[in-house]
């Protein structure tokens, strides 16, 4: 290999203006790489990108430079190299270049730009109408790892409010629901239950007619139960009934086929809410309070009968 190195170096010294020197430098860099000589490899690639800005090897060379600079802790230099790769538009390097560019920003504590770069990765690997179950294993692993890192970046950026801020800047994405969900799951794992609930609320407020909105309302209820915040669960179930019940805008705007999930929850929540308020009415010492509780119980019983007229329970 030393002979090969000497041969390539001899060509560069003997014919410094030769048009094909980009190929010589490219091969020399590969030889240095095989030798494990990182510094020499980087020096050759530096020469290639400086001397041959129009070379067909430019994108790959910049990517390899970025990778080495990142490993050396030069996140600014690595970021500039990955920017050149992205600017080239070469598809085979694009996803990884955005990914590594995001990590450069992350390492430099520039979390907003890191999130934008990571979003660009998701744009590449999550096609419109994707299903997580059908993603190739490699992409599925990449997406889950990326969403976790994005979760940490959101926390460093200020939490739940940073999610809508990101998508205001990048524009809406079909996978937004997944970003919100995985961040909320990360917060739940960290036992930051109130923060997780706020993430779900942010999505519901941003997309009130999304099919994921009622699912995230249920996630709020489940998170409250996991956290032991029992006193708030009933209010959230009542909120579900008010927002997604038969008389609500969501119900009228949604295809009947897509209401099955909501119907299942209503069949559970309506009798529970009715029974709770009926019992409160029975135990109330003040007649006006008892009347109010019985009226609520009657409302929920009526809503059940109206929503499920054919159920045996009705």
C-alpha atoms as a PDB file:
ATOM      1  CA  UNK A   1       0.000   0.000   0.000  1.00  0.00           C
ATOM      2  CA  UNK A   2       2.906   2.382   0.645  1.00  0.00           C
ATOM      3  CA  UNK A   3       3.912   1.780  -2.958  1.00  0.00           C
ATOM      4  CA  UNK A   4       0.417   2.742  -4.081  1.00  0.00           C
ATOM      5  CA  UNK A   5       0.515   5.880  -1.938  1.00  0.00           C
ATOM      6  CA  UNK A   6       3.879   6.868  -3.397  1.00  0.00           C
ATOM      7  CA  UNK A   7       2.555   6.274  -6.912  1.00  0.00           C
ATOM      8  CA  UNK A   8      -0.492   8.512  -6.362  1.00  0.00           C
ATOM      9  CA  UNK A   9       1.608  11.193  -4.705  1.00  0.00           C
ATOM     10  CA  UNK A  10       4.073  11.031  -7.579  1.00  0.00           C
ATOM     11  CA  UNK A  11       1.314  11.620 -10.108  1.00  0.00           C
ATOM     12  CA  UNK A  12       0.073  14.657  -8.173  1.00  0.00           C
ATOM     13  CA  UNK A  13       3.585  16.110  -7.940  1.00  0.00           C
ATOM     14  CA  UNK A  14       4.478  15.408 -11.561  1.00  0.00           C
ATOM     15  CA  UNK A  15       1.167  16.598 -13.050  1.00  0.00           C
ATOM     16  CA  UNK A  16      -0.288  19.145 -10.573  1.00  0.00           C
ATOM     17  CA  UNK A  17      -2.681  20.656 -13.153  1.00  0.00           C
ATOM     18  CA  UNK A  18      -3.982  17.374 -14.510  1.00  0.00           C
ATOM     19  CA  UNK A  19      -7.799  17.402 -14.812  1.00  0.00           C
ATOM     20  CA  UNK A  20      -8.103  13.832 -13.521  1.00  0.00           C
ATOM     21  CA  UNK A  21      -6.314  14.625 -10.271  1.00  0.00           C
ATOM     22  CA  UNK A  22      -9.625  14.524  -8.410  1.00  0.00           C
ATOM     23  CA  UNK A  23      -9.771  10.785  -9.152  1.00  0.00           C
ATOM     24  CA  UNK A  24      -6.159  10.376  -8.051  1.00  0.00           C
ATOM     25  CA  UNK A  25      -6.867  12.173  -4.777  1.00  0.00           C
ATOM     26  CA  UNK A  26     -10.048  10.145  -4.325  1.00  0.00           C
ATOM     27  CA  UNK A  27      -8.154   6.863  -4.698  1.00  0.00           C
ATOM     28  CA  UNK A  28      -5.322   8.118  -2.504  1.00  0.00           C
ATOM     29  CA  UNK A  29      -7.831   9.011   0.237  1.00  0.00           C
ATOM     30  CA  UNK A  30      -9.343   5.519   0.016  1.00  0.00           C
ATOM     31  CA  UNK A  31      -5.878   4.007   0.370  1.00  0.00           C
ATOM     32  CA  UNK A  32      -5.181   6.170   3.421  1.00  0.00           C
ATOM     33  CA  UNK A  33      -8.535   5.076   4.817  1.00  0.00           C
ATOM     34  CA  UNK A  34      -7.606   1.401   4.398  1.00  0.00           C
ATOM     35  CA  UNK A  35      -4.345   2.141   6.201  1.00  0.00           C
ATOM     36  CA  UNK A  36      -6.297   3.667   9.076  1.00  0.00           C
ATOM     37  CA  UNK A  37      -4.445   6.954   8.764  1.00  0.00           C
ATOM     38  CA  UNK A  38      -7.231   9.394   9.583  1.00  0.00           C
ATOM     39  CA  UNK A  39      -5.144  12.563   9.451  1.00  0.00           C
ATOM     40  CA  UNK A  40      -3.616  11.720   6.074  1.00  0.00           C
ATOM     41  CA  UNK A  41      -7.011  10.672   4.729  1.00  0.00           C
ATOM     42  CA  UNK A  42      -8.559  13.957   5.868  1.00  0.00           C
ATOM     43  CA  UNK A  43      -5.702  15.984   4.399  1.00  0.00           C
ATOM     44  CA  UNK A  44      -6.149  14.347   0.986  1.00  0.00           C
ATOM     45  CA  UNK A  45      -9.928  14.923   1.054  1.00  0.00           C
ATOM     46  CA  UNK A  46      -9.344  18.550   2.055  1.00  0.00           C
ATOM     47  CA  UNK A  47      -7.189  18.944  -1.023  1.00  0.00           C
ATOM     48  CA  UNK A  48      -9.787  17.270  -3.219  1.00  0.00           C
ATOM     49  CA  UNK A  49     -12.679  19.525  -2.207  1.00  0.00           C
ATOM     50  CA  UNK A  50     -10.534  22.672  -2.423  1.00  0.00           C
ATOM     51  CA  UNK A  51      -8.969  21.889  -5.807  1.00  0.00           C
ATOM     52  CA  UNK A  52     -11.926  20.219  -7.521  1.00  0.00           C
ATOM     53  CA  UNK A  53     -15.207  21.955  -6.579  1.00  0.00           C
ATOM     54  CA  UNK A  54     -16.938  20.400  -9.607  1.00  0.00           C
ATOM     55  CA  UNK A  55     -15.699  16.861  -9.073  1.00  0.00           C
ATOM     56  CA  UNK A  56     -18.203  13.979  -9.230  1.00  0.00           C
ATOM     57  CA  UNK A  57     -16.512  12.761  -6.028  1.00  0.00           C
ATOM     58  CA  UNK A  58     -17.277  15.992  -4.176  1.00  0.00           C
ATOM     59  CA  UNK A  59     -20.419  14.906  -2.283  1.00  0.00           C
ATOM     60  CA  UNK A  60     -18.898  11.650  -1.069  1.00  0.00           C
ATOM     61  CA  UNK A  61     -15.650  13.393  -0.156  1.00  0.00           C
ATOM     62  CA  UNK A  62     -17.475  16.071   1.827  1.00  0.00           C
ATOM     63  CA  UNK A  63     -19.515  13.432   3.605  1.00  0.00           C
ATOM     64  CA  UNK A  64     -16.401  11.502   4.571  1.00  0.00           C
ATOM     65  CA  UNK A  65     -14.746  14.748   5.706  1.00  0.00           C
ATOM     66  CA  UNK A  66     -17.805  15.590   7.795  1.00  0.00           C
ATOM     67  CA  UNK A  67     -17.775  12.159   9.399  1.00  0.00           C
ATOM     68  CA  UNK A  68     -14.117  12.443  10.357  1.00  0.00           C
ATOM     69  CA  UNK A  69     -14.426  16.024  11.600  1.00  0.00           C
ATOM     70  CA  UNK A  70     -17.431  15.034  13.713  1.00  0.00           C
ATOM     71  CA  UNK A  71     -15.431  12.183  15.277  1.00  0.00           C
ATOM     72  CA  UNK A  72     -12.658  14.674  16.076  1.00  0.00           C
ATOM     73  CA  UNK A  73     -15.166  16.970  17.822  1.00  0.00           C
ATOM     74  CA  UNK A  74     -15.025  19.686  15.173  1.00  0.00           C
ATOM     75  CA  UNK A  75     -18.805  20.077  14.945  1.00  0.00           C
ATOM     76  CA  UNK A  76     -18.625  23.433  13.151  1.00  0.00           C
ATOM     77  CA  UNK A  77     -16.330  22.090  10.445  1.00  0.00           C
ATOM     78  CA  UNK A  78     -18.328  18.884  10.160  1.00  0.00           C
ATOM     79  CA  UNK A  79     -21.542  20.873   9.813  1.00  0.00           C
ATOM     80  CA  UNK A  80     -20.114  22.883   6.931  1.00  0.00           C
ATOM     81  CA  UNK A  81     -19.069  19.668   5.168  1.00  0.00           C
ATOM     82  CA  UNK A  82     -22.535  18.159   5.575  1.00  0.00           C
ATOM     83  CA  UNK A  83     -24.059  21.412   4.293  1.00  0.00           C
ATOM     84  CA  UNK A  84     -22.073  20.930   1.085  1.00  0.00           C
ATOM     85  CA  UNK A  85     -23.378  17.376   0.767  1.00  0.00           C
ATOM     86  CA  UNK A  86     -26.955  18.578   1.216  1.00  0.00           C
ATOM     87  CA  UNK A  87     -26.420  21.373  -1.310  1.00  0.00           C
ATOM     88  CA  UNK A  88     -25.225  18.801  -3.865  1.00  0.00           C
ATOM     89  CA  UNK A  89     -28.605  17.060  -3.708  1.00  0.00           C
ATOM     90  CA  UNK A  90     -27.069  13.605  -4.209  1.00  0.00           C
ATOM     91  CA  UNK A  91     -29.774  11.260  -2.939  1.00  0.00           C
ATOM     92  CA  UNK A  92     -27.526   8.455  -1.742  1.00  0.00           C
ATOM     93  CA  UNK A  93     -25.949  10.766   0.857  1.00  0.00           C
ATOM     94  CA  UNK A  94     -28.857  13.110   1.557  1.00  0.00           C
ATOM     95  CA  UNK A  95     -30.616  11.329   4.432  1.00  0.00           C
ATOM     96  CA  UNK A  96     -27.414  10.631   6.345  1.00  0.00           C
ATOM     97  CA  UNK A  97     -26.123  14.141   5.697  1.00  0.00           C
ATOM     98  CA  UNK A  98     -29.278  15.692   7.193  1.00  0.00           C
ATOM     99  CA  UNK A  99     -29.005  13.258  10.107  1.00  0.00           C
ATOM    100  CA  UNK A 100     -25.391  14.123  10.828  1.00  0.00           C
ATOM    101  CA  UNK A 101     -26.080  17.833  10.275  1.00  0.00           C
ATOM    102  CA  UNK A 102     -28.727  17.571  12.958  1.00  0.00           C
ATOM    103  CA  UNK A 103     -26.238  15.975  15.334  1.00  0.00           C
ATOM    104  CA  UNK A 104     -23.743  18.773  14.650  1.00  0.00           C
ATOM    105  CA  UNK A 105     -26.378  21.330  15.658  1.00  0.00           C
ATOM    106  CA  UNK A 106     -27.310  19.208  18.686  1.00  0.00           C
ATOM    107  CA  UNK A 107     -23.697  18.999  19.869  1.00  0.00           C
ATOM    108  CA  UNK A 108     -23.431  22.778  19.485  1.00  0.00           C
ATOM    109  CA  UNK A 109     -26.575  23.235  21.629  1.00  0.00           C
ATOM    110  CA  UNK A 110     -28.441  24.669  18.629  1.00  0.00           C
ATOM    111  CA  UNK A 111     -31.511  22.572  19.273  1.00  0.00           C
ATOM    112  CA  UNK A 112     -33.906  24.473  17.006  1.00  0.00           C
ATOM    113  CA  UNK A 113     -31.725  23.868  13.947  1.00  0.00           C
ATOM    114  CA  UNK A 114     -31.113  20.291  15.068  1.00  0.00           C
ATOM    115  CA  UNK A 115     -34.868  19.704  15.054  1.00  0.00           C
ATOM    116  CA  UNK A 116     -35.183  21.188  11.557  1.00  0.00           C
ATOM    117  CA  UNK A 117     -32.423  18.877  10.279  1.00  0.00           C
ATOM    118  CA  UNK A 118     -33.986  15.849  11.949  1.00  0.00           C
ATOM    119  CA  UNK A 119     -37.328  16.789  10.381  1.00  0.00           C
ATOM    120  CA  UNK A 120     -35.601  16.709   6.993  1.00  0.00           C
ATOM    121  CA  UNK A 121     -34.526  13.125   7.760  1.00  0.00           C
ATOM    122  CA  UNK A 122     -38.102  12.140   8.572  1.00  0.00           C
ATOM    123  CA  UNK A 123     -39.199  13.730   5.300  1.00  0.00           C
ATOM    124  CA  UNK A 124     -36.848  11.332   3.514  1.00  0.00           C
ATOM    125  CA  UNK A 125     -37.783   8.101   5.300  1.00  0.00           C
ATOM    126  CA  UNK A 126     -41.496   8.566   6.088  1.00  0.00           C
ATOM    127  CA  UNK A 127     -43.490   8.731   2.852  1.00  0.00           C
ATOM    128  CA  UNK A 128     -47.019  10.133   2.798  1.00  0.00           C
ATOM    129  CA  UNK A 129     -49.468   7.549   4.120  1.00  0.00           C
ATOM    130  CA  UNK A 130     -46.720   5.540   5.849  1.00  0.00           C
ATOM    131  CA  UNK A 131     -47.476   2.858   8.412  1.00  0.00           C
ATOM    132  CA  UNK A 132     -44.846   2.224  11.090  1.00  0.00           C
ATOM    133  CA  UNK A 133     -45.548  -1.514  10.917  1.00  0.00           C
ATOM    134  CA  UNK A 134     -44.682  -1.600   7.218  1.00  0.00           C
ATOM    135  CA  UNK A 135     -41.422   0.369   7.408  1.00  0.00           C
ATOM    136  CA  UNK A 136     -38.237  -1.531   6.714  1.00  0.00           C
ATOM    137  CA  UNK A 137     -36.520  -2.539   9.962  1.00  0.00           C
ATOM    138  CA  UNK A 138     -33.558  -0.246   9.298  1.00  0.00           C
ATOM    139  CA  UNK A 139     -35.783   2.781   8.744  1.00  0.00           C
ATOM    140  CA  UNK A 140     -38.054   1.917  11.669  1.00  0.00           C
ATOM    141  CA  UNK A 141     -35.043   1.788  14.007  1.00  0.00           C
ATOM    142  CA  UNK A 142     -33.719   5.077  12.604  1.00  0.00           C
ATOM    143  CA  UNK A 143     -37.107   6.769  13.065  1.00  0.00           C
ATOM    144  CA  UNK A 144     -37.499   5.611  16.678  1.00  0.00           C
ATOM    145  CA  UNK A 145     -33.940   6.662  17.580  1.00  0.00           C
ATOM    146  CA  UNK A 146     -34.458   9.996  15.863  1.00  0.00           C
ATOM    147  CA  UNK A 147     -37.765  10.688  17.608  1.00  0.00           C
ATOM    148  CA  UNK A 148     -36.123  10.010  20.954  1.00  0.00           C
ATOM    149  CA  UNK A 149     -33.307  12.463  20.240  1.00  0.00           C
ATOM    150  CA  UNK A 150     -35.866  15.010  19.045  1.00  0.00           C
ATOM    151  CA  UNK A 151     -37.653  14.521  22.357  1.00  0.00           C
ATOM    152  CA  UNK A 152     -34.544  15.567  24.269  1.00  0.00           C
ATOM    153  CA  UNK A 153     -34.157  18.566  21.956  1.00  0.00           C
ATOM    154  CA  UNK A 154     -37.774  19.584  22.610  1.00  0.00           C
ATOM    155  CA  UNK A 155     -37.129  19.433  26.345  1.00  0.00           C
ATOM    156  CA  UNK A 156     -34.020  21.614  25.988  1.00  0.00           C
ATOM    157  CA  UNK A 157     -36.047  24.011  23.797  1.00  0.00           C
ATOM    158  CA  UNK A 158     -38.797  24.560  26.343  1.00  0.00           C
ATOM    159  CA  UNK A 159     -41.026  21.505  26.255  1.00  0.00           C
ATOM    160  CA  UNK A 160     -44.491  21.117  24.787  1.00  0.00           C
ATOM    161  CA  UNK A 161     -44.698  24.544  23.183  1.00  0.00           C
ATOM    162  CA  UNK A 162     -41.621  23.847  21.049  1.00  0.00           C
ATOM    163  CA  UNK A 163     -43.478  21.221  18.977  1.00  0.00           C
ATOM    164  CA  UNK A 164     -46.010  23.560  17.337  1.00  0.00           C
ATOM    165  CA  UNK A 165     -43.216  26.130  16.988  1.00  0.00           C
ATOM    166  CA  UNK A 166     -41.181  23.595  14.969  1.00  0.00           C
ATOM    167  CA  UNK A 167     -44.013  22.742  12.611  1.00  0.00           C
ATOM    168  CA  UNK A 168     -44.971  26.374  12.227  1.00  0.00           C
ATOM    169  CA  UNK A 169     -41.448  26.872  10.911  1.00  0.00           C
ATOM    170  CA  UNK A 170     -41.181  23.745   8.736  1.00  0.00           C
ATOM    171  CA  UNK A 171     -44.838  23.541   7.716  1.00  0.00           C
ATOM    172  CA  UNK A 172     -47.254  20.739   8.628  1.00  0.00           C
ATOM    173  CA  UNK A 173     -46.151  17.128   8.255  1.00  0.00           C
ATOM    174  CA  UNK A 174     -48.183  13.932   7.949  1.00  0.00           C
ATOM    175  CA  UNK A 175     -46.078  12.366  10.702  1.00  0.00           C
ATOM    176  CA  UNK A 176     -46.598  15.134  13.261  1.00  0.00           C
ATOM    177  CA  UNK A 177     -48.841  12.896  15.352  1.00  0.00           C
ATOM    178  CA  UNK A 178     -45.919  10.480  15.744  1.00  0.00           C
ATOM    179  CA  UNK A 179     -43.539  13.207  16.921  1.00  0.00           C
ATOM    180  CA  UNK A 180     -46.018  14.341  19.575  1.00  0.00           C
ATOM    181  CA  UNK A 181     -46.780  10.787  20.683  1.00  0.00           C
ATOM    182  CA  UNK A 182     -43.171   9.674  21.062  1.00  0.00           C
ATOM    183  CA  UNK A 183     -42.228  12.834  22.942  1.00  0.00           C
ATOM    184  CA  UNK A 184     -45.135  12.332  25.331  1.00  0.00           C
ATOM    185  CA  UNK A 185     -44.052   8.715  25.834  1.00  0.00           C
ATOM    186  CA  UNK A 186     -40.494   9.850  26.597  1.00  0.00           C
ATOM    187  CA  UNK A 187     -41.782  12.299  29.203  1.00  0.00           C
ATOM    188  CA  UNK A 188     -43.974   9.588  30.726  1.00  0.00           C
ATOM    189  CA  UNK A 189     -40.953   7.284  30.991  1.00  0.00           C
ATOM    190  CA  UNK A 190     -39.201  10.096  32.850  1.00  0.00           C
ATOM    191  CA  UNK A 191     -42.281  10.395  35.100  1.00  0.00           C
ATOM    192  CA  UNK A 192     -42.870  13.941  33.875  1.00  0.00           C
ATOM    193  CA  UNK A 193     -46.580  13.255  33.666  1.00  0.00           C
ATOM    194  CA  UNK A 194     -47.861  16.824  33.593  1.00  0.00           C
ATOM    195  CA  UNK A 195     -45.459  17.648  30.760  1.00  0.00           C
ATOM    196  CA  UNK A 196     -46.595  14.588  28.806  1.00  0.00           C
ATOM    197  CA  UNK A 197     -50.224  15.614  29.212  1.00  0.00           C
ATOM    198  CA  UNK A 198     -49.396  19.109  27.960  1.00  0.00           C
ATOM    199  CA  UNK A 199     -47.833  17.609  24.811  1.00  0.00           C
ATOM    200  CA  UNK A 200     -51.040  15.710  24.077  1.00  0.00           C
ATOM    201  CA  UNK A 201     -53.056  18.879  24.688  1.00  0.00           C
ATOM    202  CA  UNK A 202     -50.881  20.835  22.279  1.00  0.00           C
ATOM    203  CA  UNK A 203     -51.656  18.354  19.521  1.00  0.00           C
ATOM    204  CA  UNK A 204     -55.387  18.352  20.289  1.00  0.00           C
ATOM    205  CA  UNK A 205     -55.477  22.156  20.190  1.00  0.00           C
ATOM    206  CA  UNK A 206     -53.478  22.276  16.950  1.00  0.00           C
ATOM    207  CA  UNK A 207     -55.512  19.590  15.164  1.00  0.00           C
ATOM    208  CA  UNK A 208     -58.916  19.365  16.873  1.00  0.00           C
ATOM    209  CA  UNK A 209     -60.477  17.378  13.996  1.00  0.00           C
ATOM    210  CA  UNK A 210     -57.599  14.928  13.581  1.00  0.00           C
ATOM    211  CA  UNK A 211     -58.445  11.265  14.120  1.00  0.00           C
ATOM    212  CA  UNK A 212     -55.545  11.195  16.587  1.00  0.00           C
ATOM    213  CA  UNK A 213     -57.068  13.927  18.760  1.00  0.00           C
ATOM    214  CA  UNK A 214     -59.560  11.629  20.569  1.00  0.00           C
ATOM    215  CA  UNK A 215     -56.841   9.003  20.957  1.00  0.00           C
ATOM    216  CA  UNK A 216     -54.618  11.556  22.639  1.00  0.00           C
ATOM    217  CA  UNK A 217     -57.468  12.615  24.907  1.00  0.00           C
ATOM    218  CA  UNK A 218     -57.632   8.985  26.015  1.00  0.00           C
ATOM    219  CA  UNK A 219     -53.847   9.050  26.423  1.00  0.00           C
ATOM    220  CA  UNK A 220     -54.302  11.992  28.794  1.00  0.00           C
ATOM    221  CA  UNK A 221     -56.722   9.902  30.847  1.00  0.00           C
ATOM    222  CA  UNK A 222     -54.322   6.949  30.913  1.00  0.00           C
ATOM    223  CA  UNK A 223     -51.399   9.168  31.879  1.00  0.00           C
ATOM    224  CA  UNK A 224     -53.399  10.649  34.750  1.00  0.00           C
ATOM    225  CA  UNK A 225     -54.183   7.136  35.959  1.00  0.00           C
ATOM    226  CA  UNK A 226     -50.517   6.094  35.709  1.00  0.00           C
ATOM    227  CA  UNK A 227     -49.474   9.209  37.611  1.00  0.00           C
ATOM    228  CA  UNK A 228     -52.093   8.635  40.308  1.00  0.00           C
ATOM    229  CA  UNK A 229     -53.925  11.906  39.559  1.00  0.00           C
ATOM    230  CA  UNK A 230     -57.265  10.197  40.075  1.00  0.00           C
ATOM    231  CA  UNK A 231     -59.213  13.339  40.919  1.00  0.00           C
ATOM    232  CA  UNK A 232     -58.704  14.739  37.402  1.00  0.00           C
ATOM    233  CA  UNK A 233     -59.699  11.634  35.458  1.00  0.00           C
ATOM    234  CA  UNK A 234     -63.443  12.222  35.647  1.00  0.00           C
ATOM    235  CA  UNK A 235     -63.111  15.754  34.258  1.00  0.00           C
ATOM    236  CA  UNK A 236     -61.076  14.453  31.313  1.00  0.00           C
ATOM    237  CA  UNK A 237     -63.645  11.767  30.568  1.00  0.00           C
ATOM    238  CA  UNK A 238     -66.339  14.439  30.635  1.00  0.00           C
ATOM    239  CA  UNK A 239     -64.201  16.488  28.255  1.00  0.00           C
ATOM    240  CA  UNK A 240     -64.017  13.497  25.903  1.00  0.00           C
ATOM    241  CA  UNK A 241     -67.814  13.195  25.890  1.00  0.00           C
ATOM    242  CA  UNK A 242     -68.293  16.923  25.302  1.00  0.00           C
ATOM    243  CA  UNK A 243     -65.754  17.166  22.469  1.00  0.00           C
ATOM    244  CA  UNK A 244     -66.271  13.826  20.715  1.00  0.00           C
ATOM    245  CA  UNK A 245     -69.852  12.882  21.574  1.00  0.00           C
ATOM    246  CA  UNK A 246     -72.687  12.563  19.068  1.00  0.00           C
ATOM    247  CA  UNK A 247     -73.708  16.239  19.289  1.00  0.00           C
ATOM    248  CA  UNK A 248     -70.149  17.563  18.899  1.00  0.00           C
ATOM    249  CA  UNK A 249     -68.557  19.096  15.809  1.00  0.00           C
ATOM    250  CA  UNK A 250     -66.000  16.301  15.628  1.00  0.00           C
ATOM    251  CA  UNK A 251     -68.722  13.658  15.253  1.00  0.00           C
ATOM    252  CA  UNK A 252     -70.445  15.594  12.466  1.00  0.00           C
ATOM    253  CA  UNK A 253     -67.174  16.203  10.611  1.00  0.00           C
ATOM    254  CA  UNK A 254     -65.906  12.621  10.774  1.00  0.00           C
ATOM    255  CA  UNK A 255     -66.614   9.674   8.488  1.00  0.00           C
ATOM    256  CA  UNK A 256     -68.846   7.166  10.374  1.00  0.00           C
ATOM    257  CA  UNK A 257     -66.310   4.422   9.675  1.00  0.00           C
ATOM    258  CA  UNK A 258     -63.735   6.392  11.670  1.00  0.00           C
ATOM    259  CA  UNK A 259     -66.006   6.775  14.705  1.00  0.00           C
ATOM    260  CA  UNK A 260     -65.603   3.206  15.985  1.00  0.00           C
ATOM    261  CA  UNK A 261     -62.817   4.144  18.379  1.00  0.00           C
ATOM    262  CA  UNK A 262     -64.882   7.004  19.806  1.00  0.00           C
ATOM    263  CA  UNK A 263     -67.997   4.855  20.130  1.00  0.00           C
ATOM    264  CA  UNK A 264     -66.064   2.302  22.174  1.00  0.00           C
ATOM    265  CA  UNK A 265     -64.873   4.979  24.578  1.00  0.00           C
ATOM    266  CA  UNK A 266     -68.339   6.587  24.831  1.00  0.00           C
ATOM    267  CA  UNK A 267     -69.893   3.237  25.635  1.00  0.00           C
ATOM    268  CA  UNK A 268     -67.497   3.045  28.579  1.00  0.00           C
ATOM    269  CA  UNK A 269     -67.454   6.660  29.752  1.00  0.00           C
ATOM    270  CA  UNK A 270     -71.143   7.665  29.500  1.00  0.00           C
ATOM    271  CA  UNK A 271     -72.536   5.091  31.974  1.00  0.00           C
ATOM    272  CA  UNK A 272     -69.595   5.707  34.309  1.00  0.00           C
ATOM    273  CA  UNK A 273     -70.155   9.465  34.338  1.00  0.00           C
ATOM    274  CA  UNK A 274     -73.899   8.990  34.772  1.00  0.00           C
ATOM    275  CA  UNK A 275     -73.432   6.624  37.710  1.00  0.00           C
ATOM    276  CA  UNK A 276     -70.913   8.918  39.430  1.00  0.00           C
ATOM    277  CA  UNK A 277     -73.185  11.963  39.239  1.00  0.00           C
ATOM    278  CA  UNK A 278     -76.235   9.944  40.248  1.00  0.00           C
ATOM    279  CA  UNK A 279     -74.416   8.749  43.376  1.00  0.00           C
ATOM    280  CA  UNK A 280     -73.229  12.284  44.130  1.00  0.00           C
ATOM    281  CA  UNK A 281     -76.814  13.476  43.840  1.00  0.00           C
ATOM    282  CA  UNK A 282     -77.982  10.829  46.282  1.00  0.00           C
ATOM    283  CA  UNK A 283     -75.344  11.824  48.820  1.00  0.00           C
ATOM    284  CA  UNK A 284     -75.702  15.591  48.445  1.00  0.00           C
ATOM    285  CA  UNK A 285     -76.862  17.387  51.585  1.00  0.00           C
ATOM    286  CA  UNK A 286     -77.969  20.518  49.722  1.00  0.00           C
ATOM    287  CA  UNK A 287     -81.051  20.126  47.473  1.00  0.00           C
ATOM    288  CA  UNK A 288     -79.716  22.483  44.786  1.00  0.00           C
ATOM    289  CA  UNK A 289     -76.493  20.475  44.568  1.00  0.00           C
ATOM    290  CA  UNK A 290     -78.422  17.223  44.386  1.00  0.00           C
ATOM    291  CA  UNK A 291     -80.565  18.622  41.576  1.00  0.00           C
ATOM    292  CA  UNK A 292     -77.472  19.691  39.633  1.00  0.00           C
ATOM    293  CA  UNK A 293     -75.900  16.241  39.984  1.00  0.00           C
ATOM    294  CA  UNK A 294     -79.106  14.441  38.932  1.00  0.00           C
ATOM    295  CA  UNK A 295     -79.377  16.707  35.881  1.00  0.00           C
ATOM    296  CA  UNK A 296     -75.843  15.758  34.865  1.00  0.00           C
ATOM    297  CA  UNK A 297     -76.601  12.076  35.412  1.00  0.00           C
ATOM    298  CA  UNK A 298     -79.730  12.394  33.297  1.00  0.00           C
ATOM    299  CA  UNK A 299     -77.777  14.116  30.556  1.00  0.00           C
ATOM    300  CA  UNK A 300     -75.251  11.279  30.363  1.00  0.00           C
ATOM    301  CA  UNK A 301     -77.951   8.599  30.467  1.00  0.00           C
ATOM    302  CA  UNK A 302     -79.771  10.376  27.647  1.00  0.00           C
ATOM    303  CA  UNK A 303     -76.569  10.695  25.625  1.00  0.00           C
ATOM    304  CA  UNK A 304     -75.962   6.968  25.960  1.00  0.00           C
ATOM    305  CA  UNK A 305     -79.489   6.134  24.837  1.00  0.00           C
ATOM    306  CA  UNK A 306     -79.196   8.520  21.904  1.00  0.00           C
ATOM    307  CA  UNK A 307     -75.791   7.221  20.823  1.00  0.00           C
ATOM    308  CA  UNK A 308     -76.545   3.514  21.289  1.00  0.00           C
ATOM    309  CA  UNK A 309     -80.280   3.071  20.704  1.00  0.00           C
ATOM    310  CA  UNK A 310     -79.951  -0.640  19.891  1.00  0.00           C
ATOM    311  CA  UNK A 311     -77.749  -1.680  22.825  1.00  0.00           C
ATOM    312  CA  UNK A 312     -79.388  -4.029  25.369  1.00  0.00           C
ATOM    313  CA  UNK A 313     -78.234  -1.684  28.122  1.00  0.00           C
ATOM    314  CA  UNK A 314     -80.191   1.260  26.701  1.00  0.00           C
END
